[in-house]
Structure formats: C-alpha cells, structure tokens
C-alpha cells in the first residue's frame, strides 16, 4: 500500500510524504507505483526549477519527501497550480486503485 500525506496552506503544498509499495503488479511493472512516482518526480522537478527554498528527496526506494518552507508572493499562483496538479493526480490514482493507494490531506488553518 502506498500512503501519501499532503499538507496544504491555502491550497498550496507545504509538504508531501509518500511511502510504501502498491503491490499491484511485479516490481518494475507496477502501474500504481509508476503513476505515483511520475506525479511526485514531476512536481519536484517543476517546483525545484522555480525556487531554491524547496527540499525534496527520494531517500530510498518507495519513499518520497518534499518540503516547501516558504514561497515568494509572486510565485503563489505557480505553486498553487503545481500543488493542484499533484493533489488531483494522487487523488485520481487513489480513487481508481483504493486498495493500493491512500491519500491523506491536511489543510492548515489561516494558510500557515
């Protein structure tokens, strides 16, 4: 089972942790793992090209961590768009494959 925990502030991603293996297919051919990996890597690559304050890593196979401590005001719309992409993508995977992927979303109050 893949578990994704996303923390949002005003719809903008503050952190994301993804852990586990779906087990929906053989290693290297698991469509659920592939979908989640592509979403996470694309979000990290896109965000990291925009700012130097983002921290993201794949510490080991089956684990992803992303932290966005702060963003510039002029980047808010961009970060909102990428955040929406990641959230909607992960929710879509979890709706289609609920036995292999679970998404938890926490929305911080007052955007902090």
C-alpha atoms as a PDB file:
ATOM      1  CA  UNK A   1       0.000   0.000   0.000  1.00  0.00           C
ATOM      2  CA  UNK A   2       1.221   3.475  -0.898  1.00  0.00           C
ATOM      3  CA  UNK A   3       0.325   6.177   1.596  1.00  0.00           C
ATOM      4  CA  UNK A   4       0.634   9.840   0.671  1.00  0.00           C
ATOM      5  CA  UNK A   5       0.321  12.603   3.251  1.00  0.00           C
ATOM      6  CA  UNK A   6      -0.006  16.135   1.909  1.00  0.00           C
ATOM      7  CA  UNK A   7      -0.080  19.311   3.985  1.00  0.00           C
ATOM      8  CA  UNK A   8      -1.583  22.359   2.272  1.00  0.00           C
ATOM      9  CA  UNK A   9      -1.900  26.002   3.268  1.00  0.00           C
ATOM     10  CA  UNK A  10      -4.440  27.923   1.223  1.00  0.00           C
ATOM     11  CA  UNK A  11      -4.363  25.161  -1.392  1.00  0.00           C
ATOM     12  CA  UNK A  12      -0.581  25.424  -1.732  1.00  0.00           C
ATOM     13  CA  UNK A  13       1.594  22.446  -0.869  1.00  0.00           C
ATOM     14  CA  UNK A  14       3.737  22.863   2.260  1.00  0.00           C
ATOM     15  CA  UNK A  15       4.895  19.253   2.484  1.00  0.00           C
ATOM     16  CA  UNK A  16       4.347  15.844   0.985  1.00  0.00           C
ATOM     17  CA  UNK A  17       5.423  12.441   2.187  1.00  0.00           C
ATOM     18  CA  UNK A  18       4.836   9.304   0.145  1.00  0.00           C
ATOM     19  CA  UNK A  19       5.756   5.885   1.432  1.00  0.00           C
ATOM     20  CA  UNK A  20       5.294   2.255   0.523  1.00  0.00           C
ATOM     21  CA  UNK A  21       4.803  -0.002  -2.442  1.00  0.00           C
ATOM     22  CA  UNK A  22       1.462  -0.616  -4.100  1.00  0.00           C
ATOM     23  CA  UNK A  23       1.908  -4.316  -4.751  1.00  0.00           C
ATOM     24  CA  UNK A  24      -0.499  -4.163  -7.694  1.00  0.00           C
ATOM     25  CA  UNK A  25       1.998  -5.767 -10.048  1.00  0.00           C
ATOM     26  CA  UNK A  26       5.531  -7.112 -10.246  1.00  0.00           C
ATOM     27  CA  UNK A  27       8.380  -4.801  -9.242  1.00  0.00           C
ATOM     28  CA  UNK A  28       9.296  -2.585 -12.162  1.00  0.00           C
ATOM     29  CA  UNK A  29       5.897  -3.150 -13.780  1.00  0.00           C
ATOM     30  CA  UNK A  30       3.539  -1.856 -11.115  1.00  0.00           C
ATOM     31  CA  UNK A  31       1.229   0.696 -12.738  1.00  0.00           C
ATOM     32  CA  UNK A  32       0.194   2.284  -9.420  1.00  0.00           C
ATOM     33  CA  UNK A  33       3.791   2.758  -8.250  1.00  0.00           C
ATOM     34  CA  UNK A  34       4.704   4.130 -11.667  1.00  0.00           C
ATOM     35  CA  UNK A  35       1.838   6.648 -11.636  1.00  0.00           C
ATOM     36  CA  UNK A  36       2.644   7.921  -8.137  1.00  0.00           C
ATOM     37  CA  UNK A  37       6.366   8.120  -8.912  1.00  0.00           C
ATOM     38  CA  UNK A  38       5.801  10.120 -12.092  1.00  0.00           C
ATOM     39  CA  UNK A  39       3.498  12.561 -10.284  1.00  0.00           C
ATOM     40  CA  UNK A  40       5.961  13.059  -7.402  1.00  0.00           C
ATOM     41  CA  UNK A  41       9.042  13.410  -9.610  1.00  0.00           C
ATOM     42  CA  UNK A  42       7.309  15.820 -11.988  1.00  0.00           C
ATOM     43  CA  UNK A  43       6.081  18.009  -9.126  1.00  0.00           C
ATOM     44  CA  UNK A  44       9.542  18.051  -7.512  1.00  0.00           C
ATOM     45  CA  UNK A  45      11.321  18.838 -10.788  1.00  0.00           C
ATOM     46  CA  UNK A  46       8.843  21.581 -11.707  1.00  0.00           C
ATOM     47  CA  UNK A  47       8.925  23.238  -8.284  1.00  0.00           C
ATOM     48  CA  UNK A  48      12.697  22.988  -7.828  1.00  0.00           C
ATOM     49  CA  UNK A  49      13.327  24.887 -11.059  1.00  0.00           C
ATOM     50  CA  UNK A  50      11.273  27.810  -9.716  1.00  0.00           C
ATOM     51  CA  UNK A  51      12.794  28.351  -6.274  1.00  0.00           C
ATOM     52  CA  UNK A  52      15.806  27.479  -4.190  1.00  0.00           C
ATOM     53  CA  UNK A  53      13.846  27.004  -0.963  1.00  0.00           C
ATOM     54  CA  UNK A  54      12.307  23.640  -1.812  1.00  0.00           C
ATOM     55  CA  UNK A  55      13.639  20.449  -0.257  1.00  0.00           C
ATOM     56  CA  UNK A  56      12.852  17.150  -1.922  1.00  0.00           C
ATOM     57  CA  UNK A  57      14.358  13.714  -1.903  1.00  0.00           C
ATOM     58  CA  UNK A  58      13.853  10.044  -2.590  1.00  0.00           C
ATOM     59  CA  UNK A  59      15.824   8.705   0.422  1.00  0.00           C
ATOM     60  CA  UNK A  60      15.165   5.104  -0.541  1.00  0.00           C
ATOM     61  CA  UNK A  61      13.056   3.065  -2.921  1.00  0.00           C
ATOM     62  CA  UNK A  62       9.396   3.541  -2.053  1.00  0.00           C
ATOM     63  CA  UNK A  63       9.864   6.825  -0.191  1.00  0.00           C
ATOM     64  CA  UNK A  64       9.498  10.479  -1.216  1.00  0.00           C
ATOM     65  CA  UNK A  65       9.756  13.624   0.883  1.00  0.00           C
ATOM     66  CA  UNK A  66       9.049  17.199  -0.164  1.00  0.00           C
ATOM     67  CA  UNK A  67       9.063  20.371   1.939  1.00  0.00           C
ATOM     68  CA  UNK A  68       8.343  23.917   0.841  1.00  0.00           C
ATOM     69  CA  UNK A  69       9.207  26.163   3.795  1.00  0.00           C
ATOM     70  CA  UNK A  70       8.308  29.395   2.036  1.00  0.00           C
ATOM     71  CA  UNK A  71       7.483  30.837  -1.358  1.00  0.00           C
ATOM     72  CA  UNK A  72       7.694  34.284  -2.826  1.00  0.00           C
ATOM     73  CA  UNK A  73       4.421  36.151  -3.215  1.00  0.00           C
ATOM     74  CA  UNK A  74       4.915  36.407  -6.977  1.00  0.00           C
ATOM     75  CA  UNK A  75       5.215  32.585  -7.174  1.00  0.00           C
ATOM     76  CA  UNK A  76       1.943  31.832  -5.332  1.00  0.00           C
ATOM     77  CA  UNK A  77      -0.140  31.183  -8.463  1.00  0.00           C
ATOM     78  CA  UNK A  78       2.549  28.923  -9.921  1.00  0.00           C
ATOM     79  CA  UNK A  79       2.824  26.901  -6.692  1.00  0.00           C
ATOM     80  CA  UNK A  80      -0.960  26.699  -6.449  1.00  0.00           C
ATOM     81  CA  UNK A  81      -1.089  25.217  -9.951  1.00  0.00           C
ATOM     82  CA  UNK A  82       1.613  22.623  -9.300  1.00  0.00           C
ATOM     83  CA  UNK A  83       0.029  21.777  -5.934  1.00  0.00           C
ATOM     84  CA  UNK A  84      -3.328  21.228  -7.639  1.00  0.00           C
ATOM     85  CA  UNK A  85      -1.642  19.004 -10.244  1.00  0.00           C
ATOM     86  CA  UNK A  86      -0.077  16.796  -7.557  1.00  0.00           C
ATOM     87  CA  UNK A  87      -3.166  16.618  -5.325  1.00  0.00           C
ATOM     88  CA  UNK A  88      -5.568  15.858  -8.178  1.00  0.00           C
ATOM     89  CA  UNK A  89      -3.183  13.313  -9.683  1.00  0.00           C
ATOM     90  CA  UNK A  90      -2.705  11.431  -6.423  1.00  0.00           C
ATOM     91  CA  UNK A  91      -6.436  11.542  -5.625  1.00  0.00           C
ATOM     92  CA  UNK A  92      -7.186  10.177  -9.079  1.00  0.00           C
ATOM     93  CA  UNK A  93      -4.821   7.246  -8.567  1.00  0.00           C
ATOM     94  CA  UNK A  94      -6.262   6.534  -5.109  1.00  0.00           C
ATOM     95  CA  UNK A  95      -9.848   6.605  -6.440  1.00  0.00           C
ATOM     96  CA  UNK A  96      -9.017   4.217  -9.249  1.00  0.00           C
ATOM     97  CA  UNK A  97      -6.877   1.911  -7.090  1.00  0.00           C
ATOM     98  CA  UNK A  98      -8.110   2.369  -3.486  1.00  0.00           C
ATOM     99  CA  UNK A  99      -6.711  -0.985  -2.374  1.00  0.00           C
ATOM    100  CA  UNK A 100      -3.192   0.101  -3.393  1.00  0.00           C
ATOM    101  CA  UNK A 101      -3.008   3.857  -2.721  1.00  0.00           C
ATOM    102  CA  UNK A 102      -4.325   6.066   0.075  1.00  0.00           C
ATOM    103  CA  UNK A 103      -4.087   9.877   0.218  1.00  0.00           C
ATOM    104  CA  UNK A 104      -4.420  11.960   3.388  1.00  0.00           C
ATOM    105  CA  UNK A 105      -4.708  15.736   3.037  1.00  0.00           C
ATOM    106  CA  UNK A 106      -4.343  18.216   5.878  1.00  0.00           C
ATOM    107  CA  UNK A 107      -5.291  21.843   5.231  1.00  0.00           C
ATOM    108  CA  UNK A 108      -3.608  24.217   7.665  1.00  0.00           C
ATOM    109  CA  UNK A 109      -5.817  26.918   9.123  1.00  0.00           C
ATOM    110  CA  UNK A 110      -5.094  30.539   8.207  1.00  0.00           C
ATOM    111  CA  UNK A 111      -2.684  29.415   5.484  1.00  0.00           C
ATOM    112  CA  UNK A 112       0.183  28.812   7.938  1.00  0.00           C
END
